[in-house]
N, C-alpha and C. Protein backbone atom coordinates (compact mmCIF):
# COMPACT_ATOMS: atom_id res chain seq x y z
N MET A 1 8.28 21.81 0.80
CA MET A 1 8.94 21.28 1.86
C MET A 1 9.01 20.24 1.78
N LYS A 2 10.53 19.54 1.94
CA LYS A 2 11.23 18.30 1.93
C LYS A 2 11.72 17.75 3.58
N ILE A 3 10.60 16.42 4.16
CA ILE A 3 11.13 16.48 5.37
C ILE A 3 12.63 15.36 5.29
N GLU A 4 14.07 15.74 5.89
CA GLU A 4 14.68 14.89 5.94
C GLU A 4 14.79 13.30 6.72
N GLU A 5 15.12 12.74 5.87
CA GLU A 5 15.49 11.32 6.81
C GLU A 5 16.25 11.16 7.65
N THR A 6 15.75 10.35 9.16
CA THR A 6 17.25 10.46 10.53
C THR A 6 17.14 9.34 10.33
N TYR A 7 16.45 8.31 9.74
CA TYR A 7 16.78 6.63 9.14
C TYR A 7 17.50 6.25 7.75
N LYS A 8 17.86 4.71 7.13
CA LYS A 8 17.56 4.35 6.11
C LYS A 8 16.14 3.79 5.78
N GLU A 9 15.60 3.70 4.71
CA GLU A 9 14.21 3.70 4.44
C GLU A 9 14.69 1.55 4.01
N SER A 10 13.98 1.41 4.55
CA SER A 10 13.89 0.05 3.53
C SER A 10 13.20 -0.09 2.27
N ILE A 11 13.46 -0.96 1.31
CA ILE A 11 12.61 -1.14 0.14
C ILE A 11 11.27 -0.52 0.40
N ILE A 12 10.57 -1.36 1.39
CA ILE A 12 9.97 -2.00 1.04
C ILE A 12 8.86 -0.65 1.68
N GLN A 13 9.37 0.04 2.62
CA GLN A 13 9.24 0.85 3.02
C GLN A 13 8.96 2.43 2.31
N LYS A 14 10.08 2.64 1.52
CA LYS A 14 10.23 3.36 0.80
C LYS A 14 9.29 3.29 -0.74
N LYS A 15 8.60 2.17 -1.37
CA LYS A 15 8.22 2.12 -2.45
C LYS A 15 6.37 2.17 -2.36
N SER A 16 7.00 1.40 -0.53
CA SER A 16 4.50 1.79 -0.03
C SER A 16 4.45 3.45 -0.09
N PHE A 17 5.20 3.85 0.70
CA PHE A 17 5.17 5.58 0.05
C PHE A 17 5.21 6.21 -0.77
N ASP A 18 6.06 5.93 -1.94
CA ASP A 18 6.09 6.14 -3.19
C ASP A 18 4.97 5.60 -3.76
N PHE A 19 3.70 4.66 -3.52
CA PHE A 19 2.73 4.41 -3.93
C PHE A 19 2.12 5.14 -3.71
N ALA A 20 1.83 5.72 -1.72
CA ALA A 20 0.35 6.21 -1.72
C ALA A 20 1.14 7.71 -1.50
N LEU A 21 1.88 7.99 -2.22
CA LEU A 21 2.39 9.73 -3.06
C LEU A 21 1.44 9.81 -4.34
N SER A 22 1.77 9.08 -4.99
CA SER A 22 1.10 8.72 -6.51
C SER A 22 0.22 8.59 -6.41
N ILE A 23 -1.08 7.90 -5.25
CA ILE A 23 -2.64 7.46 -5.51
C ILE A 23 -2.98 8.37 -4.44
N ILE A 24 -1.88 10.12 -3.94
CA ILE A 24 -2.78 10.94 -3.68
C ILE A 24 -3.25 11.46 -4.69
N GLN A 25 -2.28 11.76 -5.59
CA GLN A 25 -2.30 12.53 -6.62
C GLN A 25 -2.83 12.10 -7.44
N LEU A 26 -3.60 10.47 -7.50
CA LEU A 26 -4.24 10.67 -8.71
C LEU A 26 -5.83 11.18 -8.28
N TYR A 27 -5.87 10.89 -6.78
CA TYR A 27 -6.88 11.77 -6.11
C TYR A 27 -7.18 13.09 -6.49
N LYS A 28 -6.37 13.87 -6.13
CA LYS A 28 -6.79 15.23 -6.71
C LYS A 28 -6.49 15.68 -7.79
N GLU A 29 -6.35 14.50 -8.98
CA GLU A 29 -6.99 14.39 -9.68
C GLU A 29 -7.92 14.48 -10.51
N LEU A 30 -8.22 13.19 -9.76
CA LEU A 30 -9.94 12.70 -10.07
C LEU A 30 -10.80 13.13 -9.16
N ALA A 31 -10.74 14.08 -8.10
CA ALA A 31 -11.67 14.57 -7.66
C ALA A 31 -12.46 15.24 -8.24
N LYS A 32 -11.64 15.85 -8.66
CA LYS A 32 -11.80 17.63 -9.03
C LYS A 32 -13.60 17.84 -9.95
N SER A 33 -13.92 16.40 -10.63
CA SER A 33 -14.75 16.74 -11.27
C SER A 33 -15.85 15.36 -11.42
N ASN A 34 -15.24 14.66 -10.27
CA ASN A 34 -16.29 12.80 -10.46
C ASN A 34 -16.62 12.65 -9.06
N ASP A 35 -17.17 11.93 -9.10
CA ASP A 35 -17.52 10.90 -7.47
C ASP A 35 -16.91 10.73 -6.98
N THR A 36 -16.38 11.25 -5.65
CA THR A 36 -15.34 10.71 -4.65
C THR A 36 -15.21 9.31 -4.41
N ILE A 37 -16.47 8.94 -3.94
CA ILE A 37 -16.77 7.76 -2.95
C ILE A 37 -15.66 6.50 -2.66
N ILE A 38 -15.52 6.08 -4.28
CA ILE A 38 -14.29 4.88 -4.51
C ILE A 38 -13.12 4.95 -4.38
N LEU A 39 -12.89 6.96 -4.46
CA LEU A 39 -12.13 6.84 -4.21
C LEU A 39 -11.71 6.92 -3.09
N LYS A 40 -11.93 7.45 -2.10
CA LYS A 40 -11.64 7.92 -0.41
C LYS A 40 -11.26 6.79 0.00
N HIS A 41 -11.97 5.43 -1.49
CA HIS A 41 -11.93 3.73 0.28
C HIS A 41 -10.75 3.56 -0.17
N LEU A 42 -9.93 3.98 -1.89
CA LEU A 42 -8.33 3.58 -2.49
C LEU A 42 -7.75 4.67 -1.83
N LEU A 43 -7.96 5.67 -1.28
CA LEU A 43 -6.99 6.29 -0.27
C LEU A 43 -6.40 5.98 0.59
N ARG A 44 -8.05 5.90 0.98
CA ARG A 44 -7.59 5.21 2.44
C ARG A 44 -6.69 3.43 2.66
N SER A 45 -7.10 2.97 2.27
CA SER A 45 -6.34 1.74 1.63
C SER A 45 -5.06 1.36 1.34
N ALA A 46 -4.60 2.52 -0.08
CA ALA A 46 -3.38 2.42 -0.26
C ALA A 46 -2.49 3.26 0.75
N THR A 47 -2.98 4.88 1.15
CA THR A 47 -2.14 5.16 2.62
C THR A 47 -1.63 5.04 3.50
N SER A 48 -2.95 4.24 3.74
CA SER A 48 -2.64 2.67 5.61
C SER A 48 -1.34 1.28 4.84
N THR A 49 -1.43 1.16 4.08
CA THR A 49 -0.57 0.26 3.13
C THR A 49 0.80 0.64 3.74
N GLY A 50 0.75 2.13 3.32
CA GLY A 50 2.19 3.26 3.74
C GLY A 50 2.09 2.86 5.35
N ALA A 51 1.74 3.52 5.75
CA ALA A 51 1.23 3.17 7.25
C ALA A 51 1.78 1.85 8.10
N ASN A 52 1.13 0.88 8.21
CA ASN A 52 0.99 -0.17 8.51
C ASN A 52 2.72 -0.87 8.73
N VAL A 53 2.94 -0.57 7.12
CA VAL A 53 4.68 -0.96 6.79
C VAL A 53 5.22 -0.23 7.17
N GLN A 54 5.20 0.70 8.25
CA GLN A 54 5.95 2.16 9.11
C GLN A 54 5.95 1.34 10.83
N GLU A 55 4.81 1.41 10.59
CA GLU A 55 4.36 0.80 12.39
C GLU A 55 5.05 -0.39 12.77
N GLY A 56 5.13 -1.03 11.53
CA GLY A 56 6.12 -2.91 11.77
C GLY A 56 7.29 -2.71 11.79
N SER A 57 7.60 -2.16 10.63
CA SER A 57 9.05 -1.64 11.20
C SER A 57 9.58 -1.08 12.42
N ALA A 58 8.87 -0.82 13.21
CA ALA A 58 9.42 0.11 14.34
C ALA A 58 8.45 -1.12 15.35
N GLY A 59 7.87 -2.35 15.33
CA GLY A 59 7.72 -3.96 15.79
C GLY A 59 8.57 -3.71 17.09
N GLN A 60 7.52 -3.94 18.17
CA GLN A 60 8.37 -4.68 19.48
C GLN A 60 8.66 -5.71 19.36
N THR A 61 8.23 -7.10 18.94
CA THR A 61 8.88 -8.51 18.73
C THR A 61 7.57 -8.76 17.50
N LYS A 62 8.83 -9.94 16.67
CA LYS A 62 8.46 -10.52 15.35
C LYS A 62 6.75 -10.83 15.23
N ARG A 63 6.57 -11.26 16.57
CA ARG A 63 4.86 -11.34 15.88
C ARG A 63 4.54 -9.91 15.64
N ASP A 64 4.87 -9.10 16.14
CA ASP A 64 4.35 -7.64 16.13
C ASP A 64 4.26 -6.86 15.08
N PHE A 65 6.20 -7.55 14.15
CA PHE A 65 5.38 -6.86 13.02
C PHE A 65 5.45 -7.85 11.84
N ILE A 66 5.06 -9.20 11.81
CA ILE A 66 4.35 -9.90 10.76
C ILE A 66 2.80 -9.44 11.44
N SER A 67 2.81 -8.89 12.02
CA SER A 67 1.57 -8.73 11.89
C SER A 67 0.94 -7.17 11.47
N LYS A 68 1.97 -6.19 11.69
CA LYS A 68 1.45 -5.33 10.91
C LYS A 68 1.72 -5.41 8.98
N MET A 69 2.99 -6.05 9.25
CA MET A 69 3.36 -6.82 7.56
C MET A 69 1.71 -7.18 6.29
N SER A 70 1.34 -8.29 7.97
CA SER A 70 0.16 -9.22 7.16
C SER A 70 -1.33 -8.00 6.73
N ILE A 71 -0.98 -7.02 8.22
CA ILE A 71 -2.42 -5.86 7.82
C ILE A 71 -2.15 -5.11 6.62
N ALA A 72 -1.16 -4.82 6.21
CA ALA A 72 -0.31 -3.87 5.21
C ALA A 72 -0.71 -4.48 3.78
N SER A 73 -0.45 -6.04 4.01
CA SER A 73 -0.09 -6.65 2.60
C SER A 73 -1.94 -7.23 2.33
N LYS A 74 -2.66 -6.22 3.57
CA LYS A 74 -4.59 -6.95 3.28
C LYS A 74 -4.79 -5.64 2.68
N GLU A 75 -4.31 -4.59 3.54
CA GLU A 75 -4.87 -2.94 2.82
C GLU A 75 -4.37 -3.30 0.93
N ALA A 76 -3.06 -3.38 1.21
CA ALA A 76 -3.22 -3.50 -0.44
C ALA A 76 -3.26 -4.85 -1.45
N ARG A 77 -3.48 -5.45 -1.23
CA ARG A 77 -4.67 -6.44 -1.64
C ARG A 77 -6.57 -5.55 -1.65
N GLU A 78 -6.19 -5.12 -0.95
CA GLU A 78 -7.94 -3.78 -0.93
C GLU A 78 -7.76 -3.33 -1.75
N THR A 79 -6.49 -2.26 -2.19
CA THR A 79 -6.01 -1.70 -2.96
C THR A 79 -6.67 -1.94 -4.11
N LEU A 80 -5.75 -2.57 -4.91
CA LEU A 80 -5.76 -3.72 -6.08
C LEU A 80 -7.12 -3.83 -6.25
N TYR A 81 -7.51 -3.78 -5.81
CA TYR A 81 -9.51 -3.98 -5.79
C TYR A 81 -10.23 -2.83 -6.09
N TRP A 82 -9.83 -1.84 -5.03
CA TRP A 82 -10.63 -0.12 -5.48
C TRP A 82 -9.88 -0.06 -7.02
N ILE A 83 -8.80 -0.24 -7.41
CA ILE A 83 -8.53 0.06 -8.78
C ILE A 83 -9.12 -0.46 -9.92
N LYS A 84 -9.04 -1.90 -9.62
CA LYS A 84 -9.69 -2.54 -10.73
C LYS A 84 -11.14 -2.57 -10.90
N LEU A 85 -12.79 -1.91 -9.76
CA LEU A 85 -12.98 -1.63 -9.74
C LEU A 85 -12.64 0.00 -10.43
N LEU A 86 -12.69 0.66 -9.95
CA LEU A 86 -12.17 2.08 -10.64
C LEU A 86 -11.84 1.97 -11.87
N SER A 87 -10.85 0.95 -13.08
CA SER A 87 -10.64 1.06 -13.56
C SER A 87 -11.53 0.06 -14.49
N GLU A 88 -12.17 -0.73 -14.15
CA GLU A 88 -13.34 -1.43 -15.20
C GLU A 88 -15.13 -1.10 -14.82
N SER A 89 -14.99 0.18 -14.40
CA SER A 89 -16.48 0.50 -14.38
C SER A 89 -16.17 1.59 -15.35
N LYS A 90 -15.13 2.16 -15.76
CA LYS A 90 -15.07 3.46 -17.08
C LYS A 90 -15.62 4.40 -16.02
N TYR A 91 -15.01 4.68 -14.89
CA TYR A 91 -16.36 5.84 -14.79
C TYR A 91 -15.49 6.97 -14.19
N TYR A 92 -13.98 6.66 -14.59
CA TYR A 92 -12.69 7.79 -14.64
C TYR A 92 -12.29 7.45 -15.93
N ASN A 93 -11.84 8.29 -16.78
CA ASN A 93 -11.31 8.43 -17.54
C ASN A 93 -9.82 8.24 -17.89
N LYS A 94 -9.53 7.30 -17.69
CA LYS A 94 -8.14 7.55 -17.27
C LYS A 94 -7.12 6.02 -17.14
N ASP A 95 -6.44 5.23 -17.80
CA ASP A 95 -5.45 4.42 -17.34
C ASP A 95 -5.24 4.09 -15.94
N LEU A 96 -5.75 3.18 -15.83
CA LEU A 96 -4.82 2.95 -14.30
C LEU A 96 -3.77 1.25 -13.68
N GLN A 97 -3.47 0.84 -15.36
CA GLN A 97 -2.47 -0.36 -14.83
C GLN A 97 -1.37 0.04 -14.20
N SER A 98 -0.52 1.21 -14.53
CA SER A 98 0.61 1.29 -13.99
C SER A 98 0.28 1.29 -12.28
N TYR A 99 -0.77 1.45 -12.06
CA TYR A 99 -1.07 2.02 -10.42
C TYR A 99 -1.09 0.52 -9.89
N TYR A 100 -1.78 -0.05 -10.52
CA TYR A 100 -2.44 -1.70 -10.29
C TYR A 100 -0.90 -2.79 -10.90
N SER A 101 -0.02 -1.84 -11.40
CA SER A 101 0.86 -3.30 -11.49
C SER A 101 1.96 -2.17 -10.10
N ASP A 102 1.79 -1.03 -10.10
CA ASP A 102 2.69 -0.63 -8.53
C ASP A 102 2.32 -1.43 -7.29
N CYS A 103 1.18 -1.87 -7.23
CA CYS A 103 0.32 -2.14 -6.36
C CYS A 103 0.08 -3.85 -6.47
N SER A 104 0.11 -4.46 -7.28
CA SER A 104 0.42 -5.53 -7.19
C SER A 104 2.61 -6.05 -6.89
N GLU A 105 2.47 -5.35 -6.88
CA GLU A 105 4.86 -5.54 -6.33
C GLU A 105 4.75 -5.37 -5.06
N LEU A 106 3.61 -3.83 -4.86
CA LEU A 106 3.69 -4.20 -3.17
C LEU A 106 2.88 -5.23 -2.74
N VAL A 107 1.91 -6.14 -3.54
CA VAL A 107 2.05 -7.05 -2.34
C VAL A 107 2.36 -8.28 -2.96
N LYS A 108 3.56 -8.35 -3.53
CA LYS A 108 4.01 -9.73 -3.78
C LYS A 108 5.61 -9.74 -2.75
N ILE A 109 6.15 -8.06 -3.07
CA ILE A 109 6.97 -8.15 -2.24
C ILE A 109 6.73 -8.11 -0.65
N LEU A 110 5.02 -7.51 0.03
CA LEU A 110 4.50 -7.88 2.04
C LEU A 110 4.07 -9.19 2.16
N THR A 111 3.92 -10.18 1.08
CA THR A 111 3.87 -11.81 0.67
C THR A 111 5.06 -11.62 1.21
N LYS A 112 5.95 -12.06 0.09
CA LYS A 112 7.36 -12.33 0.63
C LYS A 112 7.68 -12.40 2.03
N ILE A 113 7.54 -11.26 3.14
CA ILE A 113 8.47 -10.81 3.85
C ILE A 113 7.30 -10.96 5.08
N VAL A 114 6.12 -11.50 5.05
CA VAL A 114 5.12 -12.08 5.67
C VAL A 114 5.67 -13.52 6.13
N LYS A 115 5.89 -14.22 4.85
CA LYS A 115 6.28 -15.73 4.60
C LYS A 115 7.52 -16.35 5.44
N THR A 116 8.29 -14.92 4.65
CA THR A 116 10.17 -15.18 5.36
C THR A 116 10.19 -14.91 7.04
N SER A 117 9.68 -13.75 6.98
CA SER A 117 9.43 -13.80 8.61
C SER A 117 8.65 -14.91 9.83
N GLN A 118 7.38 -15.31 8.93
CA GLN A 118 6.71 -16.33 9.92
C GLN A 118 7.75 -18.05 10.01
N ALA A 119 8.34 -18.03 8.99
CA ALA A 119 8.88 -19.56 8.52
C ALA A 119 9.21 -20.21 9.99
N PRO A 120 10.80 -19.17 11.04
CA PRO A 120 10.95 -19.47 11.53
C PRO A 120 9.89 -19.65 12.97
N LEU A 121 9.27 -18.93 12.63
CA LEU A 121 8.70 -19.11 14.25
C LEU A 121 7.25 -20.95 13.96
N LEU A 122 7.28 -20.78 12.71
CA LEU A 122 6.42 -22.13 12.22
C LEU A 122 6.93 -23.04 12.73
N LYS A 123 8.73 -23.29 12.67
CA LYS A 123 9.54 -24.59 13.42
C LYS A 123 9.38 -24.25 15.25
N THR A 124 9.09 -23.75 15.44
CA THR A 124 8.78 -24.25 16.69
C THR A 124 8.10 -24.53 17.48
């Protein structure tokens, strides 16, 4: 079942949602045969990134928007940490480079959004 969109998503909303979906699939694949402690951290931070983007998109004020996008950026950076830890620990026999690249792109976009949004506020 696919839920129909009733509004046009921004690029960051689409990318963060798609990334969260890919992490959910990765979690389902890797959790079948291994310990899931680190995977649960990865799942939480990756899905939290998109949730904060969605929440920020409905921010009541510019500062609210910036706050939520900043939290989303921090969650994405945490996700990078968990991906790197999983990859370098070699606990799972899976190439995680594409996940790391996708998440790095989210971090770059979110950092740009936050900096661009903060610029007018810093002038006052």
